[in-house]
Structure formats: C-alpha cells, structure tokens
C-alpha atoms as a PDB file:
ATOM      1  CA  MET A   1      11.398  -2.910  15.837  1.00  0.00           C
ATOM      2  CA  THR A   2      14.796  -5.204  14.808  1.00  0.00           C
ATOM      3  CA  THR A   3      17.749  -3.864  15.066  1.00  0.00           C
ATOM      4  CA  LEU A   4      19.991  -4.723  12.369  1.00  0.00           C
ATOM      5  CA  SER A   5      23.319  -5.969  13.673  1.00  0.00           C
ATOM      6  CA  PRO A   6      26.593  -4.918  12.646  1.00  0.00           C
ATOM      7  CA  LEU A   7      27.274  -7.677   9.927  1.00  0.00           C
ATOM      8  CA  GLN A   8      23.603  -6.182   8.329  1.00  0.00           C
ATOM      9  CA  GLN A   9      24.524  -2.304   8.698  1.00  0.00           C
ATOM     10  CA  PHE A  10      27.721  -3.424   6.465  1.00  0.00           C
ATOM     11  CA  ALA A  11      26.499  -5.729   3.822  1.00  0.00           C
ATOM     12  CA  ASP A  12      23.865  -2.370   3.307  1.00  0.00           C
ATOM     13  CA  ARG A  13      26.107   0.319   3.097  1.00  0.00           C
ATOM     14  CA  VAL A  14      27.995  -1.997   0.556  1.00  0.00           C
ATOM     15  CA  THR A  15      24.566  -2.409  -1.731  1.00  0.00           C
ATOM     16  CA  TYR A  16      24.581   0.835  -1.243  1.00  0.00           C
ATOM     17  CA  LEU A  17      26.864   2.006  -2.461  1.00  0.00           C
ATOM     18  CA  ALA A  18      26.874  -0.382  -5.393  1.00  0.00           C
ATOM     19  CA  TYR A  19      24.666   1.279  -7.057  1.00  0.00           C
ATOM     20  CA  ASP A  20      24.442   1.930 -10.508  1.00  0.00           C
ATOM     21  CA  PRO A  21      23.987   5.299 -10.960  1.00  0.00           C
ATOM     22  CA  GLY A  22      23.461   4.773 -14.699  1.00  0.00           C
ATOM     23  CA  VAL A  23      25.964   6.880 -16.200  1.00  0.00           C
ATOM     24  CA  SER A  24      27.983   6.386 -19.210  1.00  0.00           C
ATOM     25  CA  PRO A  25      29.706   8.498 -21.871  1.00  0.00           C
ATOM     26  CA  LYS A  26      28.111   9.322 -24.889  1.00  0.00           C
ATOM     27  CA  GLY A  27      29.413  12.165 -27.643  1.00  0.00           C
ATOM     28  CA  GLY A  28      27.838  14.790 -29.456  1.00  0.00           C
ATOM     29  CA  PHE A  29      25.959  15.853 -26.861  1.00  0.00           C
ATOM     30  CA  LEU A  30      28.583  19.263 -25.225  1.00  0.00           C
ATOM     31  CA  PRO A  31      28.545  21.731 -27.153  1.00  0.00           C
ATOM     32  CA  GLY A  32      32.664  21.854 -28.971  1.00  0.00           C
ATOM     33  CA  LEU A  33      33.640  18.143 -28.517  1.00  0.00           C
ATOM     34  CA  ASP A  34      34.982  18.143 -32.209  1.00  0.00           C
ATOM     35  CA  LEU A  35      36.639  21.167 -31.263  1.00  0.00           C
ATOM     36  CA  LEU A  36      38.004  19.026 -28.639  1.00  0.00           C
ATOM     37  CA  ARG A  37      39.191  17.078 -30.148  1.00  0.00           C
ATOM     38  CA  ASN A  38      41.089  18.075 -32.892  1.00  0.00           C
ATOM     39  CA  VAL A  39      42.571  20.869 -30.162  1.00  0.00           C
ATOM     40  CA  VAL A  40      44.062  16.623 -28.707  1.00  0.00           C
ATOM     41  CA  SER A  41      44.890  15.379 -32.785  1.00  0.00           C
ATOM     42  CA  SER A  42      46.903  18.559 -32.702  1.00  0.00           C
ATOM     43  CA  LEU A  43      48.741  18.482 -29.197  1.00  0.00           C
ATOM     44  CA  ASN A  44      49.511  14.842 -30.305  1.00  0.00           C
ATOM     45  CA  MET A  45      50.661  15.722 -34.235  1.00  0.00           C
ATOM     46  CA  ALA A  46      53.040  18.230 -32.038  1.00  0.00           C
ATOM     47  CA  ALA A  47      54.415  15.967 -29.141  1.00  0.00           C
ATOM     48  CA  ILE A  48      54.704  13.026 -32.261  1.00  0.00           C
ATOM     49  CA  ILE A  49      56.703  16.147 -33.726  1.00  0.00           C
ATOM     50  CA  ALA A  50      58.379  17.161 -31.292  1.00  0.00           C
ATOM     51  CA  VAL A  51      59.322  13.389 -30.563  1.00  0.00           C
ATOM     52  CA  VAL A  52      61.101  12.923 -34.070  1.00  0.00           C
ATOM     53  CA  GLY A  53      62.941  15.819 -33.401  1.00  0.00           C
ATOM     54  CA  ALA A  54      64.672  14.435 -29.888  1.00  0.00           C
ATOM     55  CA  LEU A  55      65.727  11.231 -31.639  1.00  0.00           C
ATOM     56  CA  ALA A  56      67.520  13.006 -34.248  1.00  0.00           C
ATOM     57  CA  VAL A  57      68.935  14.852 -31.656  1.00  0.00           C
ATOM     58  CA  SER A  58      69.707  12.073 -29.125  1.00  0.00           C
ATOM     59  CA  LEU A  59      71.602  10.320 -32.244  1.00  0.00           C
ATOM     60  CA  GLY A  60      73.486  13.847 -33.195  1.00  0.00           C
ATOM     61  CA  VAL A  61      74.981  13.261 -29.355  1.00  0.00           C
ATOM     62  CA  TRP A  62      75.117   8.724 -29.670  1.00  0.00           C
ATOM     63  CA  ALA A  63      77.151   8.987 -32.064  1.00  0.00           C
ATOM     64  CA  TRP A  64      78.793  12.256 -31.466  1.00  0.00           C
ATOM     65  CA  GLY A  65      79.520  10.928 -28.228  1.00  0.00           C
ATOM     66  CA  HIS A  66      80.885   7.645 -29.442  1.00  0.00           C
ATOM     67  CA  HIS A  67      83.325   9.123 -32.356  1.00  0.00           C
ATOM     68  CA  SER A  68      85.122  11.358 -30.341  1.00  0.00           C
ATOM     69  CA  GLY A  69      85.617   9.070 -27.155  1.00  0.00           C
ATOM     70  CA  GLY A  70      82.915  11.688 -25.114  1.00  0.00           C
ATOM     71  CA  HIS A  71      81.612   8.152 -22.517  1.00  0.00           C
ATOM     72  CA  GLN A  72      79.167  10.625 -20.715  1.00  0.00           C
ATOM     73  CA  ALA A  73      77.912  11.366 -24.280  1.00  0.00           C
ATOM     74  CA  GLU A  74      77.566   8.722 -25.652  1.00  0.00           C
ATOM     75  CA  ALA A  75      75.501   7.651 -22.362  1.00  0.00           C
ATOM     76  CA  ASN A  76      73.261  10.314 -22.553  1.00  0.00           C
ATOM     77  CA  GLY A  77      72.838   9.853 -26.337  1.00  0.00           C
ATOM     78  CA  LYS A  78      71.005   5.886 -25.648  1.00  0.00           C
ATOM     79  CA  LYS A  79      69.073   7.243 -22.577  1.00  0.00           C
ATOM     80  CA  GLY A  80      67.408   9.762 -25.297  1.00  0.00           C
ATOM     81  CA  ALA A  81      67.475   7.525 -28.099  1.00  0.00           C
ATOM     82  CA  LEU A  82      65.136   5.188 -25.674  1.00  0.00           C
ATOM     83  CA  VAL A  83      62.898   7.595 -23.948  1.00  0.00           C
ATOM     84  CA  SER A  84      62.363   9.300 -27.274  1.00  0.00           C
ATOM     85  CA  ALA A  85      60.872   6.043 -28.342  1.00  0.00           C
ATOM     86  CA  GLY A  86      59.445   5.693 -25.464  1.00  0.00           C
ATOM     87  CA  ALA A  87      57.608   8.263 -26.178  1.00  0.00           C
ATOM     88  CA  ALA A  88      56.181   7.535 -29.490  1.00  0.00           C
ATOM     89  CA  LEU A  89      55.273   4.474 -28.300  1.00  0.00           C
ATOM     90  CA  GLY A  90      53.031   6.152 -25.707  1.00  0.00           C
ATOM     91  CA  LEU A  91      51.884   9.029 -28.304  1.00  0.00           C
ATOM     92  CA  GLY A  92      51.193   6.359 -31.040  1.00  0.00           C
ATOM     93  CA  ALA A  93      49.185   4.202 -28.411  1.00  0.00           C
ATOM     94  CA  ALA A  94      47.909   6.852 -26.492  1.00  0.00           C
ATOM     95  CA  ASN A  95      43.783   6.268 -28.210  1.00  0.00           C
ATOM     96  CA  GLY A  96      44.653   2.286 -28.032  1.00  0.00           C
ATOM     97  CA  ILE A  97      45.642   3.026 -24.257  1.00  0.00           C
ATOM     98  CA  ILE A  98      42.354   4.886 -23.603  1.00  0.00           C
ATOM     99  CA  ALA A  99      40.248   2.981 -25.232  1.00  0.00           C
ATOM    100  CA  PHE A 100      41.496  -1.321 -23.495  1.00  0.00           C
ATOM    101  CA  PHE A 101      40.348   0.419 -20.335  1.00  0.00           C
ATOM    102  CA  SER A 102      37.440   2.590 -20.615  1.00  0.00           C
ATOM    103  CA  THR A 103      36.151  -0.815 -22.186  1.00  0.00           C
ATOM    104  CA  LEU A 104      37.355  -2.190 -19.005  1.00  0.00           C
ATOM    105  CA  GLY A 105      36.274  -0.471 -16.682  1.00  0.00           C
ATOM    106  CA  THR A 106      32.437  -0.745 -17.908  1.00  0.00           C
ATOM    107  CA  GLN A 107      32.742  -4.995 -16.856  1.00  0.00           C
ATOM    108  CA  VAL A 108      33.249  -4.115 -13.548  1.00  0.00           C
ATOM    109  CA  ARG A 109      30.276  -4.533 -11.508  1.00  0.00           C
END
C-alpha cells in the first residue's frame, strides 16, 4: 500500500471538485414555466412604466429647481433623472446581460 504525498492528495481533491455533474439548463420541462415567464415580463414592463413616471417627475423637479433658484431641488432632479435613465438601461438590457453571463458561464472549464 502506497501513501499519497500531500501534493497528490491536493491534486485528487481538485480533480474531484472539477468533476462535471452534467447539469445544464433546459426549458420546457418545468410545469408553469410559461406562466413564470409571463409574470416576469409583466413585472419588467411595470417597472419600465414606473421608471418613465420617475423620469418625468425628476425632470419636472429639475426644471422647477432651476427656475425657482432652489439649488437643492435642481440637484435632486438631476440625480433622479440619472438614476431613472440608469434603471431604464438596466431593465431594457436585463435579458441581454443574463444571456451574456449565462453563455460566459457555460464556457468555464
């Protein structure tokens, strides 16, 4: 019986951790998957509509602050407009971002 060196034992553990269990995402097998997609799509649309409203309010606060001399209101309006634009960007790009990282994750070996 031969004893393994600590380096060989470590290599065996790493090899065990690198084992591919063969699990990958597949659509169509989970009951209610279409309903879940519809719910998520509806939530995304509701969030986009809310962002449009937040942008309109922020732009109004920005304009009001500018014309009334309220520098704090003007700054808050600018921040709100930038945050609303960023939120719209994130909501619109959500599918692409998830698809990109999911594809990137499948390439990890």
